[in-house]
């Protein structure tokens, strides 16, 4: 069996000391960029993998991070995980997934794992902190969701502006009766997307009739339920802005059951641009979020915190969104 390559093997090939190789692999600023690149190239060429167990004993680090989400079965998180893992692996970290299913006990359990040293840091995507506290001195980055007043670093998108742009697209097509299916208000992300809807309607001089704001929970079933409620109104909408793609799928399914065509009778816009949205029928017009970049950025911020960089947490990092116009929107028939 071939011997496992060691740091000294890289050092001999690179013509530098073992200490220099160790610093280069940790991306230390004490090593020049040229030497760091040469060491990383040789590490890949030799298929070098660090002895994590030995390093953990020396550093008292787990070399693992937690990515905690509401529902591990939601495909929305896959691209974010890819971005997190790509950046984490380059730094020698493993990524553990935490699935809370909105259970407060499970949410608290993952913070306990962090406090007990089973992971060095956390990328939190539930928007919730344990009510018991004790998280202030932990390495935590909030991604996509918002926890106002927490003082934690955030990586997010501008939900107000993105939602506003989505509704403005419907208005530009000629729609005037536009309803909104929100996420679970009063959670900040749901509130901000609703605010974008309201601002677009206000700026266009359009009234929001009573009953035109239906509250969902980001799941398909709630999209169906809210759609039934909206189309039981005496003057139903001609367009829907839905706070995420899953609920938009539910709304479209329900519209078909009621004999309404999308987009001929009703236009629908979602939010997230899940990979299924392009293949959905009709292809869903939706707000695209840079999910892989969100993952990479959140992990980079977490690595900075773990390295002792105190520059994070003052202002959130806001990444751009893109409205993907597809086949689920069209001018109203009347």
Protein backbone atom coordinates (compact mmCIF):
# COMPACT_ATOMS: atom_id res chain seq x y z
CA UNK A 1 0.00 0.00 0.00
CA UNK A 2 1.33 3.41 -0.98
CA UNK A 3 2.55 5.49 1.97
CA UNK A 4 0.41 8.47 2.82
CA UNK A 5 2.21 11.70 1.76
CA UNK A 6 3.34 13.92 4.61
CA UNK A 7 4.04 17.61 4.99
CA UNK A 8 7.78 16.91 4.77
CA UNK A 9 7.26 15.41 1.28
CA UNK A 10 5.70 18.67 0.12
CA UNK A 11 8.48 20.64 1.82
CA UNK A 12 11.20 18.66 -0.01
CA UNK A 13 9.55 19.16 -3.40
CA UNK A 14 8.88 22.85 -2.77
CA UNK A 15 12.35 23.49 -1.36
CA UNK A 16 11.00 25.11 1.80
CA UNK A 17 10.77 24.19 5.47
CA UNK A 18 8.04 22.05 7.02
CA UNK A 19 6.92 25.09 9.02
CA UNK A 20 6.51 27.11 5.82
CA UNK A 21 4.39 24.36 4.27
CA UNK A 22 2.23 24.21 7.38
CA UNK A 23 1.69 27.98 7.27
CA UNK A 24 0.99 27.93 3.53
CA UNK A 25 -1.64 25.21 3.88
CA UNK A 26 -3.30 27.36 6.54
CA UNK A 27 -3.15 30.35 4.11
CA UNK A 28 -1.05 32.34 6.55
CA UNK A 29 -0.13 35.88 5.47
CA UNK A 30 3.40 35.13 6.70
CA UNK A 31 3.96 33.15 3.49
CA UNK A 32 4.11 34.84 0.09
CA UNK A 33 1.23 34.31 -2.31
CA UNK A 34 3.59 32.60 -4.78
CA UNK A 35 4.81 30.09 -2.17
CA UNK A 36 1.28 29.44 -0.93
CA UNK A 37 0.14 28.67 -4.48
CA UNK A 38 3.13 26.35 -5.10
CA UNK A 39 2.47 24.46 -1.86
CA UNK A 40 -1.25 24.07 -2.62
CA UNK A 41 -0.43 22.83 -6.13
CA UNK A 42 2.01 20.26 -4.78
CA UNK A 43 -0.48 19.16 -2.11
CA UNK A 44 -3.02 18.42 -4.83
CA UNK A 45 -0.40 16.71 -7.00
CA UNK A 46 0.68 14.42 -4.15
CA UNK A 47 -2.93 13.93 -2.97
CA UNK A 48 -1.92 15.17 0.47
CA UNK A 49 -4.59 15.03 3.16
CA UNK A 50 -3.95 16.39 6.65
CA UNK A 51 -4.00 14.04 9.62
CA UNK A 52 -7.08 15.59 11.19
CA UNK A 53 -7.00 13.55 14.40
CA UNK A 54 -3.45 14.59 15.22
CA UNK A 55 -4.13 18.20 14.35
CA UNK A 56 -7.29 18.27 16.46
CA UNK A 57 -5.36 17.04 19.50
CA UNK A 58 -2.81 19.80 19.05
CA UNK A 59 -5.24 22.63 18.37
CA UNK A 60 -8.24 21.46 20.42
CA UNK A 61 -10.38 22.11 17.34
CA UNK A 62 -12.92 19.76 15.79
CA UNK A 63 -12.22 21.03 12.25
CA UNK A 64 -15.94 20.75 11.57
CA UNK A 65 -18.67 23.36 11.12
CA UNK A 66 -22.44 23.04 11.40
CA UNK A 67 -24.85 24.22 8.72
CA UNK A 68 -28.23 24.34 10.45
CA UNK A 69 -31.41 24.52 8.33
CA UNK A 70 -35.16 24.29 8.83
CA UNK A 71 -35.72 21.31 6.55
CA UNK A 72 -32.86 19.24 5.14
CA UNK A 73 -35.27 17.85 2.52
CA UNK A 74 -35.79 21.28 0.94
CA UNK A 75 -33.78 21.39 -2.33
CA UNK A 76 -33.25 25.12 -1.81
CA UNK A 77 -30.35 24.37 0.53
CA UNK A 78 -28.38 22.09 -1.84
CA UNK A 79 -26.60 24.83 -3.79
CA UNK A 80 -25.83 26.70 -0.58
CA UNK A 81 -24.35 23.52 0.91
CA UNK A 82 -22.16 23.09 -2.18
CA UNK A 83 -20.80 26.60 -1.74
CA UNK A 84 -20.21 26.10 1.99
CA UNK A 85 -18.50 22.76 1.48
CA UNK A 86 -16.23 23.94 -1.35
CA UNK A 87 -14.85 26.76 0.81
CA UNK A 88 -14.71 24.62 3.95
CA UNK A 89 -12.77 21.79 2.29
CA UNK A 90 -10.12 24.19 1.00
CA UNK A 91 -9.52 25.17 4.64
CA UNK A 92 -9.55 21.57 5.89
CA UNK A 93 -13.00 21.70 7.51
CA UNK A 94 -15.82 19.17 7.28
CA UNK A 95 -19.45 20.32 7.10
CA UNK A 96 -22.15 18.74 9.28
CA UNK A 97 -25.82 19.29 8.46
CA UNK A 98 -28.29 20.11 11.20
CA UNK A 99 -32.02 19.68 10.55
CA UNK A 100 -34.33 21.46 13.02
CA UNK A 101 -37.79 21.04 11.40
CA UNK A 102 -38.71 24.18 13.37
CA UNK A 103 -38.40 22.25 16.64
CA UNK A 104 -37.07 24.59 19.40
CA UNK A 105 -35.53 21.64 21.28
CA UNK A 106 -33.51 20.60 18.23
CA UNK A 107 -32.47 24.18 17.57
CA UNK A 108 -31.11 24.41 21.12
CA UNK A 109 -29.38 21.03 20.75
CA UNK A 110 -27.23 22.24 17.84
CA UNK A 111 -26.06 25.24 19.84
CA UNK A 112 -25.17 22.83 22.66
CA UNK A 113 -23.07 20.82 20.19
CA UNK A 114 -21.24 24.02 19.29
CA UNK A 115 -20.65 24.96 22.93
CA UNK A 116 -19.41 21.45 23.71
CA UNK A 117 -16.77 21.58 20.97
CA UNK A 118 -18.33 19.10 18.53
CA UNK A 119 -18.04 21.85 15.92
CA UNK A 120 -15.97 25.02 15.73
CA UNK A 121 -18.59 27.26 14.13
CA UNK A 122 -22.10 27.41 12.72
CA UNK A 123 -23.82 28.75 9.62
CA UNK A 124 -27.36 29.36 10.86
CA UNK A 125 -30.20 29.34 8.34
CA UNK A 126 -33.24 29.07 10.61
CA UNK A 127 -33.40 32.68 11.76
CA UNK A 128 -33.78 31.56 15.38
CA UNK A 129 -31.52 31.70 18.42
CA UNK A 130 -32.02 29.64 21.59
CA UNK A 131 -34.14 31.55 24.13
CA UNK A 132 -31.81 30.46 26.91
CA UNK A 133 -28.98 32.56 25.43
CA UNK A 134 -25.36 31.49 25.72
CA UNK A 135 -24.60 32.00 22.02
CA UNK A 136 -22.92 35.42 22.28
CA UNK A 137 -19.36 34.11 22.31
CA UNK A 138 -19.85 31.36 19.73
CA UNK A 139 -18.69 31.54 16.09
CA UNK A 140 -22.04 31.91 14.29
CA UNK A 141 -22.86 33.39 10.88
CA UNK A 142 -26.51 33.95 9.91
CA UNK A 143 -27.19 33.23 6.23
CA UNK A 144 -30.26 34.39 4.27
CA UNK A 145 -32.47 34.71 7.34
CA UNK A 146 -32.26 37.78 9.58
CA UNK A 147 -32.00 37.96 13.35
CA UNK A 148 -32.36 41.62 14.18
CA UNK A 149 -30.44 42.95 17.16
CA UNK A 150 -28.32 39.80 17.49
CA UNK A 151 -25.03 41.49 16.59
CA UNK A 152 -24.12 38.42 14.53
CA UNK A 153 -22.63 38.69 11.03
CA UNK A 154 -25.23 38.23 8.27
CA UNK A 155 -24.97 37.16 4.64
CA UNK A 156 -28.24 37.92 2.89
CA UNK A 157 -30.10 39.44 -0.06
CA UNK A 158 -32.20 42.59 -0.14
CA UNK A 159 -35.60 40.96 0.27
CA UNK A 160 -37.51 44.24 0.10
CA UNK A 161 -35.94 45.31 -3.20
CA UNK A 162 -36.19 41.83 -4.73
CA UNK A 163 -39.88 41.48 -3.85
CA UNK A 164 -40.58 44.98 -5.05
CA UNK A 165 -38.97 44.20 -8.42
CA UNK A 166 -41.03 41.02 -8.78
CA UNK A 167 -44.30 42.90 -8.22
CA UNK A 168 -43.21 45.73 -10.50
CA UNK A 169 -42.77 43.12 -13.24
CA UNK A 170 -46.43 42.10 -12.83
CA UNK A 171 -47.52 45.74 -12.83
CA UNK A 172 -45.52 46.38 -16.03
CA UNK A 173 -47.48 43.57 -17.70
CA UNK A 174 -50.72 45.43 -16.90
CA UNK A 175 -51.86 43.63 -13.75
CA UNK A 176 -53.72 45.71 -11.20
CA UNK A 177 -55.30 43.06 -8.96
CA UNK A 178 -52.16 41.48 -7.48
CA UNK A 179 -52.31 39.36 -4.33
CA UNK A 180 -49.50 38.14 -2.10
CA UNK A 181 -48.92 34.78 -0.41
CA UNK A 182 -46.43 35.53 2.36
CA UNK A 183 -44.17 33.34 4.43
CA UNK A 184 -44.65 32.93 8.19
CA UNK A 185 -45.11 36.50 9.42
CA UNK A 186 -43.73 37.96 11.73
CA UNK A 187 -40.43 36.31 10.76
CA UNK A 188 -38.24 39.09 9.27
CA UNK A 189 -37.68 37.52 5.84
CA UNK A 190 -41.44 37.13 5.35
CA UNK A 191 -42.09 40.66 6.61
CA UNK A 192 -39.49 42.16 4.24
CA UNK A 193 -40.87 40.36 1.19
CA UNK A 194 -44.35 41.52 2.11
CA UNK A 195 -43.01 45.04 2.53
CA UNK A 196 -41.56 44.94 -1.01
CA UNK A 197 -44.99 43.89 -2.32
CA UNK A 198 -46.71 46.72 -0.46
CA UNK A 199 -44.20 49.33 -1.64
CA UNK A 200 -44.58 48.33 -5.30
CA UNK A 201 -48.36 48.50 -5.03
CA UNK A 202 -48.26 51.84 -3.23
CA UNK A 203 -45.85 53.39 -5.72
CA UNK A 204 -48.11 52.31 -8.60
CA UNK A 205 -51.13 53.84 -6.87
CA UNK A 206 -52.77 50.42 -6.51
CA UNK A 207 -55.03 49.45 -3.65
CA UNK A 208 -54.52 46.18 -1.79
CA UNK A 209 -58.07 44.88 -1.29
CA UNK A 210 -59.09 43.18 1.93
CA UNK A 211 -58.08 39.51 1.82
CA UNK A 212 -55.34 39.97 -0.81
CA UNK A 213 -52.57 39.13 1.68
CA UNK A 214 -52.64 35.43 2.59
CA UNK A 215 -50.22 34.01 5.16
CA UNK A 216 -48.40 30.78 4.32
CA UNK A 217 -45.52 28.84 5.88
CA UNK A 218 -43.18 28.29 2.87
CA UNK A 219 -44.57 24.76 2.23
CA UNK A 220 -46.45 23.58 -0.89
CA UNK A 221 -49.63 22.80 1.03
CA UNK A 222 -49.90 26.35 2.32
CA UNK A 223 -49.59 27.66 -1.24
CA UNK A 224 -52.58 25.52 -2.17
CA UNK A 225 -54.56 26.62 0.89
CA UNK A 226 -53.82 30.33 0.40
CA UNK A 227 -54.70 30.10 -3.28
CA UNK A 228 -58.10 28.60 -2.44
CA UNK A 229 -58.73 31.46 -0.04
CA UNK A 230 -57.73 34.14 -2.55
CA UNK A 231 -59.90 32.74 -5.32
CA UNK A 232 -62.93 32.47 -3.07
CA UNK A 233 -63.00 36.29 -2.96
CA UNK A 234 -65.74 38.08 -4.88
CA UNK A 235 -63.10 39.96 -6.93
CA UNK A 236 -60.14 37.54 -7.19
CA UNK A 237 -56.66 38.60 -8.34
CA UNK A 238 -55.23 38.26 -11.83
CA UNK A 239 -51.70 37.77 -10.49
CA UNK A 240 -49.93 36.31 -7.46
CA UNK A 241 -46.61 37.22 -5.92
CA UNK A 242 -45.63 34.24 -3.76
CA UNK A 243 -42.88 34.46 -1.12
CA UNK A 244 -41.12 31.26 -2.21
CA UNK A 245 -41.14 28.75 -5.06
CA UNK A 246 -42.54 25.85 -3.05
CA UNK A 247 -45.71 27.78 -2.22
CA UNK A 248 -45.83 28.99 -5.83
CA UNK A 249 -45.88 25.35 -7.01
CA UNK A 250 -48.79 24.73 -4.65
CA UNK A 251 -50.63 27.79 -5.93
CA UNK A 252 -50.23 26.72 -9.57
CA UNK A 253 -51.44 23.19 -8.78
CA UNK A 254 -54.51 24.63 -7.04
CA UNK A 255 -55.24 27.02 -9.90
CA UNK A 256 -55.26 24.07 -12.32
CA UNK A 257 -57.67 22.17 -10.07
CA UNK A 258 -59.97 25.18 -10.21
CA UNK A 259 -59.80 25.26 -14.00
CA UNK A 260 -57.64 28.36 -14.27
CA UNK A 261 -54.73 28.47 -16.69
CA UNK A 262 -51.31 29.89 -15.80
CA UNK A 263 -50.47 32.43 -17.20
CA UNK A 264 -53.53 32.94 -19.47
CA UNK A 265 -55.91 33.45 -16.53
CA UNK A 266 -53.53 34.10 -13.64
CA UNK A 267 -49.84 35.07 -13.56
CA UNK A 268 -47.62 33.69 -10.79
CA UNK A 269 -44.19 34.87 -9.54
CA UNK A 270 -42.17 32.96 -6.96
CA UNK A 271 -39.00 33.62 -4.98
CA UNK A 272 -35.82 31.45 -4.77
CA UNK A 273 -35.38 29.96 -8.27
CA UNK A 274 -35.21 26.33 -7.19
CA UNK A 275 -33.69 24.04 -9.79
CA UNK A 276 -37.15 22.58 -10.51
CA UNK A 277 -38.61 26.00 -11.34
CA UNK A 278 -37.08 26.03 -14.82
CA UNK A 279 -38.53 22.56 -15.54
CA UNK A 280 -41.91 23.27 -13.91
CA UNK A 281 -44.91 23.77 -16.21
CA UNK A 282 -45.18 26.50 -17.04
CA UNK A 283 -41.58 27.49 -16.21
CA UNK A 284 -41.84 29.68 -13.13
CA UNK A 285 -40.98 33.37 -13.16
CA UNK A 286 -39.08 33.82 -9.90
CA UNK A 287 -36.47 35.80 -7.99
CA UNK A 288 -33.10 34.04 -8.30
CA UNK A 289 -30.79 34.07 -5.29
CA UNK A 290 -27.04 33.39 -5.72
CA UNK A 291 -27.20 30.33 -3.47
CA UNK A 292 -23.71 28.92 -4.11
CA UNK A 293 -22.19 32.37 -3.58
CA UNK A 294 -24.19 32.77 -0.37
CA UNK A 295 -22.69 29.49 0.87
CA UNK A 296 -19.15 30.42 -0.13
CA UNK A 297 -19.43 33.88 1.42
CA UNK A 298 -20.96 32.66 4.68
CA UNK A 299 -18.19 30.06 5.07
CA UNK A 300 -15.50 32.62 4.28
CA UNK A 301 -16.90 34.94 6.96
CA UNK A 302 -16.99 32.04 9.44
CA UNK A 303 -13.36 31.17 8.66
CA UNK A 304 -12.44 34.79 9.30
CA UNK A 305 -14.13 34.67 12.71
CA UNK A 306 -12.38 31.41 13.58
CA UNK A 307 -9.08 33.02 12.61
CA UNK A 308 -9.75 35.89 15.04
CA UNK A 309 -10.85 38.54 12.55
CA UNK A 310 -13.17 40.89 14.43
CA UNK A 311 -14.22 42.95 11.38
CA UNK A 312 -17.45 41.07 10.81
CA UNK A 313 -20.86 41.79 12.25
CA UNK A 314 -21.03 45.55 11.75
CA UNK A 315 -22.85 45.58 8.41
CA UNK A 316 -24.54 42.62 6.69
CA UNK A 317 -23.08 41.36 3.44
CA UNK A 318 -25.85 41.81 0.86
CA UNK A 319 -25.63 39.81 -2.37
CA UNK A 320 -27.59 40.61 -5.55
CA UNK A 321 -30.74 38.86 -6.81
CA UNK A 322 -32.00 38.44 -10.38
CA UNK A 323 -35.59 38.25 -11.59
CA UNK A 324 -35.86 35.21 -13.90
CA UNK A 325 -38.75 35.96 -16.27
CA UNK A 326 -40.25 32.72 -17.61
CA UNK A 327 -43.56 31.33 -18.75
CA UNK A 328 -45.75 31.77 -15.67
CA UNK A 329 -46.36 35.49 -16.24
CA UNK A 330 -48.21 37.27 -19.04
CA UNK A 331 -50.48 40.33 -19.50
CA UNK A 332 -53.96 39.96 -17.98
CA UNK A 333 -56.82 38.92 -20.23
CA UNK A 334 -59.10 41.68 -18.94
